[in-house]
Amino acid sequence: MTERVPTGIFQKLSRLDDGDGPLRPRSFGEFVGQRRVVDNLRTWIDAARKRGRSLDHVLLSGPPGLGKTTLATLVAQAMDAELRITSGPVLERAGDLVGLLTGLSEGDVLFVDEIHRMPRTVEEYLYAAMEDLAVDVVIDQGPAARSVRLSLAPFTLVGATTREGLLSQPLRARFGVVEKLVPYPADELALIVERSAARLGCGLAPTAAQAVAERSRGVPRVANRLLRRLRDVADLHNDGHVSPAIVEQGLTMLGIDELGLEDMDRRYLMALQRMGGGPAGLRTIAVAVGEEEDTLELVYEPHLIRLGFVLKTSRGRELTDAARVHLGLGVGPAPDNSGLFDG
């Protein structure tokens, strides 16, 4: 059960239950992929437990949906500690953070999602908290103002970010453990899909699991989302069994092709094609497709770049011949339409 604090500043989790329902791994042993990260975390946790101390502060970075929140939950579980969850944008004032820190018990794990979005004035209060287990609070105003140092119980801060480059250097330097998560290969995603299907109670052909994995953009969250929708189709048309035919039917309904491209991906590529293949700026592309720049850069571009469909250069984004072939446009630059609107 998730217990919400009335202020909305943080959540206290007593068991693993969230938006992914029963699909999140319940232990490090169940966690598929990110082997180096998992092995490192288990080593640091075992060493901290042996010394009877809190784990050093942990920074997890990487694209959305790769398991940062899950790993934070597993860290708290392995440390036999209470997990408290908040996010950078929620901590608008220094008082929010101070109240949260002073409310922590010894050994608690504080998870701050999207930590790079924390206001700089609030972030500065973390420096002493992370290094000295203390926060300095100013009381009164004007000539009567004075600073009071409040001691904190030993705790572990786990920060998650999709934009590590936006973290300030002073904050990043205070994390003793820094790990980066990377997109999953298809074979690991297939294992995740098979495990999730078993928990959802739906039949799944091995070839169907592989097909879902190959279209999941290297992201477990996407794979689980697709599986849930395919289960719906299978319940209605195939007695709950997800076969390769059901995968094709369901993903066609969702507009997802054999490389995992969605409608927005194709609109992005076609917009670049209409611009002569680039180079074109992200803002120009965002206007052309009617989407926010951050969404394009964080959600859609990584997959297109990994596929070799888009080049990100100092002059802007450029379309590749591989993208033109996939879209059936032929190889070579797009026609020059520079005079299309002349006189």
Protein backbone atom coordinates (compact mmCIF):
# COMPACT_ATOMS: atom_id res chain seq x y z
CA MET A 1 0.00 0.00 0.00
CA THR A 2 1.29 3.47 -0.85
CA GLU A 3 0.92 5.99 1.93
CA ARG A 4 0.86 9.60 0.74
CA VAL A 5 2.01 12.40 2.97
CA PRO A 6 -0.61 15.19 2.97
CA THR A 7 1.85 17.80 1.71
CA GLY A 8 2.57 15.71 -1.38
CA ILE A 9 6.30 16.18 -0.89
CA PHE A 10 7.13 12.51 -0.67
CA GLN A 11 5.68 9.04 -0.68
CA LYS A 12 6.49 6.27 1.78
CA LEU A 13 6.42 2.81 0.21
CA SER A 14 5.82 -0.20 2.42
CA ARG A 15 5.88 -2.75 -0.41
CA LEU A 16 6.54 -3.02 -4.12
CA ASP A 17 3.34 -1.79 -5.73
CA ASP A 18 3.20 0.93 -8.37
CA GLY A 19 2.04 1.84 -11.84
CA ASP A 20 3.62 -1.27 -13.32
CA GLY A 21 1.47 -3.43 -11.02
CA PRO A 22 3.04 -6.82 -10.40
CA LEU A 23 5.59 -6.52 -13.22
CA ARG A 24 8.47 -4.86 -11.38
CA PRO A 25 11.24 -7.21 -10.17
CA ARG A 26 10.95 -7.97 -6.49
CA SER A 27 14.66 -8.63 -5.92
CA PHE A 28 18.02 -8.10 -7.57
CA GLY A 29 17.92 -11.76 -8.56
CA GLU A 30 14.80 -11.11 -10.67
CA PHE A 31 16.22 -7.98 -12.30
CA VAL A 32 17.07 -8.73 -15.94
CA GLY A 33 19.84 -6.81 -17.69
CA GLN A 34 22.10 -3.93 -16.59
CA ARG A 35 24.39 -6.60 -15.20
CA ARG A 36 27.35 -4.37 -14.40
CA VAL A 37 25.14 -1.84 -12.59
CA VAL A 38 23.35 -4.54 -10.59
CA ASP A 39 26.56 -6.33 -9.65
CA ASN A 40 28.16 -3.07 -8.54
CA LEU A 41 25.16 -2.07 -6.42
CA ARG A 42 25.05 -5.46 -4.73
CA THR A 43 28.75 -5.17 -3.92
CA TRP A 44 28.42 -1.69 -2.40
CA ILE A 45 25.31 -2.75 -0.46
CA ASP A 46 26.97 -5.88 0.96
CA ALA A 47 29.99 -3.85 2.03
CA ALA A 48 27.82 -1.21 3.72
CA ARG A 49 25.79 -3.83 5.56
CA LYS A 50 28.97 -5.57 6.71
CA ARG A 51 30.19 -2.29 8.23
CA GLY A 52 26.76 -1.55 9.69
CA ARG A 53 26.56 1.78 7.88
CA SER A 54 24.25 3.41 5.37
CA LEU A 55 25.03 2.97 1.69
CA ASP A 56 26.86 5.86 0.07
CA HIS A 57 24.70 8.22 -2.00
CA VAL A 58 23.78 6.81 -5.43
CA LEU A 59 23.18 8.57 -8.75
CA LEU A 60 21.38 6.61 -11.49
CA SER A 61 21.24 8.14 -14.95
CA GLY A 62 19.83 7.03 -18.28
CA PRO A 63 16.79 7.33 -20.57
CA PRO A 64 13.27 6.90 -19.15
CA GLY A 65 11.89 3.43 -18.54
CA LEU A 66 15.13 1.51 -17.97
CA GLY A 67 14.62 0.73 -14.29
CA LYS A 68 15.98 3.60 -12.18
CA THR A 69 12.98 3.66 -9.84
CA THR A 70 13.00 -0.14 -9.62
CA LEU A 71 16.69 -0.16 -8.68
CA ALA A 72 16.09 2.46 -5.99
CA THR A 73 13.33 0.26 -4.57
CA LEU A 74 15.61 -2.78 -4.61
CA VAL A 75 18.41 -0.83 -2.93
CA ALA A 76 16.08 0.05 -0.05
CA GLN A 77 14.90 -3.54 0.17
CA ALA A 78 18.45 -4.93 0.18
CA MET A 79 19.43 -2.44 2.90
CA ASP A 80 16.31 -3.40 4.87
CA ALA A 81 15.44 0.29 4.90
CA GLU A 82 12.36 2.46 4.43
CA LEU A 83 12.06 3.99 0.96
CA ARG A 84 10.76 7.53 0.61
CA ILE A 85 10.09 8.90 -2.86
CA THR A 86 9.91 12.45 -4.13
CA SER A 87 10.89 14.31 -7.31
CA GLY A 88 12.92 17.37 -8.17
CA PRO A 89 10.06 19.58 -9.44
CA VAL A 90 8.01 18.94 -6.27
CA LEU A 91 10.71 20.44 -4.03
CA GLU A 92 9.98 24.05 -4.88
CA ARG A 93 11.19 25.63 -1.64
CA ALA A 94 14.08 24.98 0.70
CA GLY A 95 11.60 24.34 3.50
CA ASP A 96 10.17 21.40 1.56
CA LEU A 97 13.55 19.71 1.42
CA VAL A 98 14.51 20.55 5.01
CA GLY A 99 11.24 19.14 6.30
CA LEU A 100 11.75 15.99 4.30
CA LEU A 101 15.35 15.50 5.43
CA THR A 102 14.64 16.10 9.12
CA GLY A 103 11.80 13.57 8.92
CA LEU A 104 14.08 10.74 7.82
CA SER A 105 14.93 7.96 10.24
CA GLU A 106 18.33 6.32 10.49
CA GLY A 107 19.12 4.22 7.42
CA ASP A 108 16.21 5.51 5.30
CA VAL A 109 16.63 5.67 1.54
CA LEU A 110 15.43 8.91 -0.05
CA PHE A 111 14.75 8.59 -3.77
CA VAL A 112 14.61 11.85 -5.75
CA ASP A 113 13.43 11.31 -9.31
CA GLU A 114 14.39 13.84 -12.00
CA ILE A 115 16.85 15.32 -9.54
CA HIS A 116 18.28 17.64 -12.21
CA ARG A 117 15.00 19.60 -12.11
CA MET A 118 15.45 20.59 -8.48
CA PRO A 119 15.76 24.38 -8.10
CA ARG A 120 19.35 25.46 -7.50
CA THR A 121 18.46 27.31 -4.29
CA VAL A 122 16.96 24.08 -2.91
CA GLU A 123 19.79 21.92 -4.21
CA GLU A 124 22.36 23.83 -2.19
CA TYR A 125 20.78 22.57 1.03
CA LEU A 126 21.63 19.04 -0.08
CA TYR A 127 25.36 19.69 -0.05
CA ALA A 128 25.76 19.77 3.74
CA ALA A 129 23.07 17.13 4.16
CA MET A 130 24.95 14.65 1.96
CA GLU A 131 28.42 15.36 3.32
CA ASP A 132 27.89 16.40 6.95
CA LEU A 133 24.43 15.01 7.78
CA ALA A 134 23.25 18.49 8.67
CA VAL A 135 21.23 21.38 7.27
CA ASP A 136 21.61 25.04 8.10
CA VAL A 137 18.32 26.89 8.63
CA VAL A 138 18.01 30.68 8.92
CA ILE A 139 15.67 31.80 11.69
CA ASP A 140 14.11 35.29 11.88
CA GLN A 141 14.95 38.14 9.54
CA GLY A 142 17.06 41.28 9.45
CA PRO A 143 19.38 42.01 12.38
CA ALA A 144 17.81 39.22 14.43
CA ALA A 145 18.48 36.58 11.81
CA ARG A 146 20.63 33.65 12.87
CA SER A 147 21.62 30.34 11.40
CA VAL A 148 20.82 27.09 13.19
CA ARG A 149 22.39 23.79 12.19
CA LEU A 150 20.07 20.79 12.40
CA SER A 151 21.58 17.31 12.59
CA LEU A 152 20.22 14.55 10.35
CA ALA A 153 20.02 10.82 10.78
CA PRO A 154 22.35 8.83 8.48
CA PHE A 155 20.53 8.24 5.20
CA THR A 156 21.14 7.27 1.58
CA LEU A 157 20.12 9.61 -1.22
CA VAL A 158 19.36 7.88 -4.52
CA GLY A 159 19.02 10.40 -7.33
CA ALA A 160 17.68 9.56 -10.77
CA THR A 161 18.10 11.69 -13.86
CA THR A 162 17.45 11.46 -17.57
CA ARG A 163 19.70 14.48 -18.17
CA GLU A 164 22.95 13.93 -16.28
CA GLY A 165 24.57 16.83 -18.12
CA LEU A 166 22.12 19.25 -16.45
CA LEU A 167 23.31 18.32 -12.96
CA SER A 168 25.53 20.88 -11.32
CA GLN A 169 29.08 19.70 -10.72
CA PRO A 170 28.95 20.31 -6.93
CA LEU A 171 25.90 18.03 -6.63
CA ARG A 172 27.21 15.31 -8.92
CA ALA A 173 30.54 15.25 -7.06
CA ARG A 174 28.79 14.39 -3.79
CA PHE A 175 27.49 11.05 -5.04
CA GLY A 176 29.79 8.21 -4.07
CA VAL A 177 28.18 5.77 -6.52
CA VAL A 178 27.43 6.88 -10.10
CA GLU A 179 25.87 4.36 -12.48
CA LYS A 180 24.50 4.79 -15.99
CA LEU A 181 21.74 2.59 -17.40
CA VAL A 182 21.73 1.79 -21.12
CA PRO A 183 19.02 0.48 -23.50
CA TYR A 184 18.44 -3.27 -23.37
CA PRO A 185 19.31 -5.73 -26.15
CA ALA A 186 16.39 -7.65 -27.65
CA ASP A 187 17.31 -10.97 -26.00
CA GLU A 188 17.12 -9.46 -22.50
CA LEU A 189 13.86 -7.72 -23.33
CA ALA A 190 12.45 -11.05 -24.52
CA LEU A 191 13.19 -12.52 -21.08
CA ILE A 192 11.43 -9.57 -19.45
CA VAL A 193 8.40 -10.02 -21.73
CA GLU A 194 8.21 -13.75 -20.93
CA ARG A 195 8.39 -13.09 -17.19
CA SER A 196 5.77 -10.34 -17.42
CA ALA A 197 3.44 -12.57 -19.45
CA ALA A 198 3.66 -15.24 -16.77
CA ARG A 199 2.75 -12.72 -14.08
CA LEU A 200 -0.14 -11.39 -16.16
CA GLY A 201 -1.37 -14.93 -16.69
CA CYS A 202 -1.40 -14.85 -20.48
CA GLY A 203 0.06 -17.42 -22.83
CA LEU A 204 2.98 -16.23 -24.94
CA ALA A 205 4.77 -17.95 -27.79
CA PRO A 206 8.61 -17.61 -27.64
CA THR A 207 8.68 -16.12 -31.13
CA ALA A 208 6.02 -13.62 -30.03
CA ALA A 209 8.17 -12.58 -27.06
CA GLN A 210 11.09 -11.94 -29.41
CA ALA A 211 8.89 -9.95 -31.77
CA VAL A 212 7.67 -7.73 -28.93
CA ALA A 213 11.23 -7.28 -27.67
CA GLU A 214 12.51 -6.19 -31.08
CA ARG A 215 9.86 -3.46 -31.27
CA SER A 216 10.25 -2.12 -27.74
CA ARG A 217 12.98 0.45 -28.47
CA GLY A 218 15.30 -1.17 -25.92
CA VAL A 219 13.06 -0.08 -23.02
CA PRO A 220 11.39 -2.53 -20.57
CA ARG A 221 8.61 -0.05 -19.80
CA VAL A 222 7.68 0.03 -23.47
CA ALA A 223 7.85 -3.78 -23.69
CA ASN A 224 5.47 -4.17 -20.74
CA ARG A 225 3.10 -1.55 -22.14
CA LEU A 226 2.95 -3.35 -25.49
CA LEU A 227 2.43 -6.69 -23.78
CA ARG A 228 -0.56 -5.37 -21.84
CA ARG A 229 -2.19 -4.16 -25.06
CA LEU A 230 -1.42 -7.42 -26.86
CA ARG A 231 -2.99 -9.32 -23.98
CA ASP A 232 -6.17 -7.30 -24.56
CA VAL A 233 -6.18 -8.26 -28.24
CA ALA A 234 -5.43 -11.89 -27.39
CA ASP A 235 -8.27 -12.04 -24.83
CA LEU A 236 -10.72 -10.96 -27.50
CA HIS A 237 -9.41 -12.85 -30.52
CA ASN A 238 -7.21 -15.77 -29.42
CA ASP A 239 -8.39 -17.10 -26.04
CA GLY A 240 -5.76 -15.07 -24.19
CA HIS A 241 -2.74 -16.52 -26.04
CA VAL A 242 -0.31 -14.00 -27.54
CA SER A 243 0.85 -15.57 -30.80
CA PRO A 244 3.02 -14.03 -33.54
CA ALA A 245 -0.17 -13.28 -35.46
CA ILE A 246 -1.62 -11.45 -32.45
CA VAL A 247 1.61 -9.46 -32.15
CA GLU A 248 1.34 -8.36 -35.78
CA GLN A 249 -2.34 -7.50 -35.40
CA GLY A 250 -1.92 -5.61 -32.15
CA LEU A 251 1.17 -3.63 -33.14
CA THR A 252 -0.43 -2.71 -36.46
CA MET A 253 -3.36 -1.32 -34.48
CA LEU A 254 -0.86 0.71 -32.42
CA GLY A 255 0.95 1.96 -35.53
CA ILE A 256 4.25 0.32 -34.58
CA ASP A 257 6.37 -1.16 -37.36
CA GLU A 258 8.98 -3.92 -37.34
CA LEU A 259 11.70 -1.58 -36.02
CA GLY A 260 9.55 -0.15 -33.26
CA LEU A 261 8.88 3.13 -35.04
CA GLU A 262 5.68 4.90 -34.04
CA ASP A 263 3.66 7.51 -35.92
CA MET A 264 5.65 10.36 -34.35
CA ASP A 265 8.93 8.77 -35.42
CA ARG A 266 7.73 8.62 -39.01
CA ARG A 267 6.41 12.19 -38.86
CA TYR A 268 9.82 13.31 -37.56
CA LEU A 269 11.66 11.54 -40.40
CA MET A 270 9.26 12.82 -43.06
CA ALA A 271 9.62 16.36 -41.72
CA LEU A 272 13.39 16.08 -42.12
CA GLN A 273 12.90 14.70 -45.63
CA ARG A 274 10.75 17.71 -46.56
CA MET A 275 13.55 19.95 -45.29
CA GLY A 276 15.93 18.44 -47.82
CA GLY A 277 17.23 15.86 -45.37
CA GLY A 278 18.70 18.52 -43.11
CA PRO A 279 20.63 19.75 -41.37
CA ALA A 280 17.68 21.17 -39.46
CA GLY A 281 17.37 22.50 -35.93
CA LEU A 282 15.38 20.67 -33.29
CA ARG A 283 13.09 23.66 -32.78
CA THR A 284 12.21 23.70 -36.47
CA ILE A 285 11.43 19.98 -36.45
CA ALA A 286 9.35 20.36 -33.29
CA VAL A 287 7.21 23.02 -34.95
CA ALA A 288 6.83 20.88 -38.06
CA VAL A 289 5.56 17.83 -36.15
CA GLY A 290 3.67 19.68 -33.40
CA GLU A 291 5.61 18.26 -30.45
CA GLU A 292 7.75 19.68 -27.65
CA GLU A 293 11.52 19.82 -28.20
CA ASP A 294 12.26 17.98 -24.95
CA THR A 295 9.88 15.17 -25.89
CA LEU A 296 11.52 14.71 -29.28
CA GLU A 297 15.01 14.78 -27.80
CA LEU A 298 14.34 12.44 -24.88
CA VAL A 299 11.69 10.05 -26.22
CA TYR A 300 12.02 9.77 -29.98
CA GLU A 301 15.51 10.78 -31.07
CA PRO A 302 17.51 8.21 -29.06
CA HIS A 303 15.87 5.29 -30.90
CA LEU A 304 16.21 6.98 -34.30
CA ILE A 305 19.88 7.70 -33.65
CA ARG A 306 20.55 4.13 -32.49
CA LEU A 307 18.93 2.83 -35.68
CA GLY A 308 21.22 5.09 -37.71
CA PHE A 309 18.25 6.98 -39.17
CA VAL A 310 19.23 10.40 -37.83
CA LEU A 311 22.61 12.08 -37.39
CA LYS A 312 22.97 14.68 -34.66
CA THR A 313 25.58 17.17 -35.85
CA SER A 314 26.75 20.62 -34.79
CA ARG A 315 24.66 22.09 -37.63
CA GLY A 316 21.48 20.20 -36.74
CA ARG A 317 19.74 16.90 -37.44
CA GLU A 318 20.33 15.08 -40.71
CA LEU A 319 18.41 12.24 -42.33
CA THR A 320 20.39 9.18 -43.43
CA ASP A 321 20.01 6.94 -46.44
CA ALA A 322 19.01 4.08 -44.13
CA ALA A 323 15.99 6.10 -43.01
CA ARG A 324 15.03 6.88 -46.61
CA VAL A 325 15.20 3.21 -47.55
CA HIS A 326 13.04 2.26 -44.56
CA LEU A 327 10.46 4.89 -45.52
CA GLY A 328 10.54 3.74 -49.15
CA LEU A 329 11.87 7.06 -50.40
CA GLY A 330 14.95 5.76 -52.21
CA VAL A 331 18.56 6.72 -51.56
CA GLY A 332 19.85 10.24 -51.96
CA PRO A 333 18.96 13.75 -50.84
CA ALA A 334 15.42 15.03 -51.02
CA PRO A 335 14.46 17.28 -53.93
CA ASP A 336 15.40 20.93 -53.57
CA ASN A 337 12.17 22.74 -52.74
CA SER A 338 13.85 26.02 -51.88
CA GLY A 339 11.98 27.84 -54.65
CA LEU A 340 8.64 26.25 -53.94
CA PHE A 341 7.08 29.44 -52.61
CA ASP A 342 8.91 31.92 -54.89
CA GLY A 343 6.90 34.50 -56.83
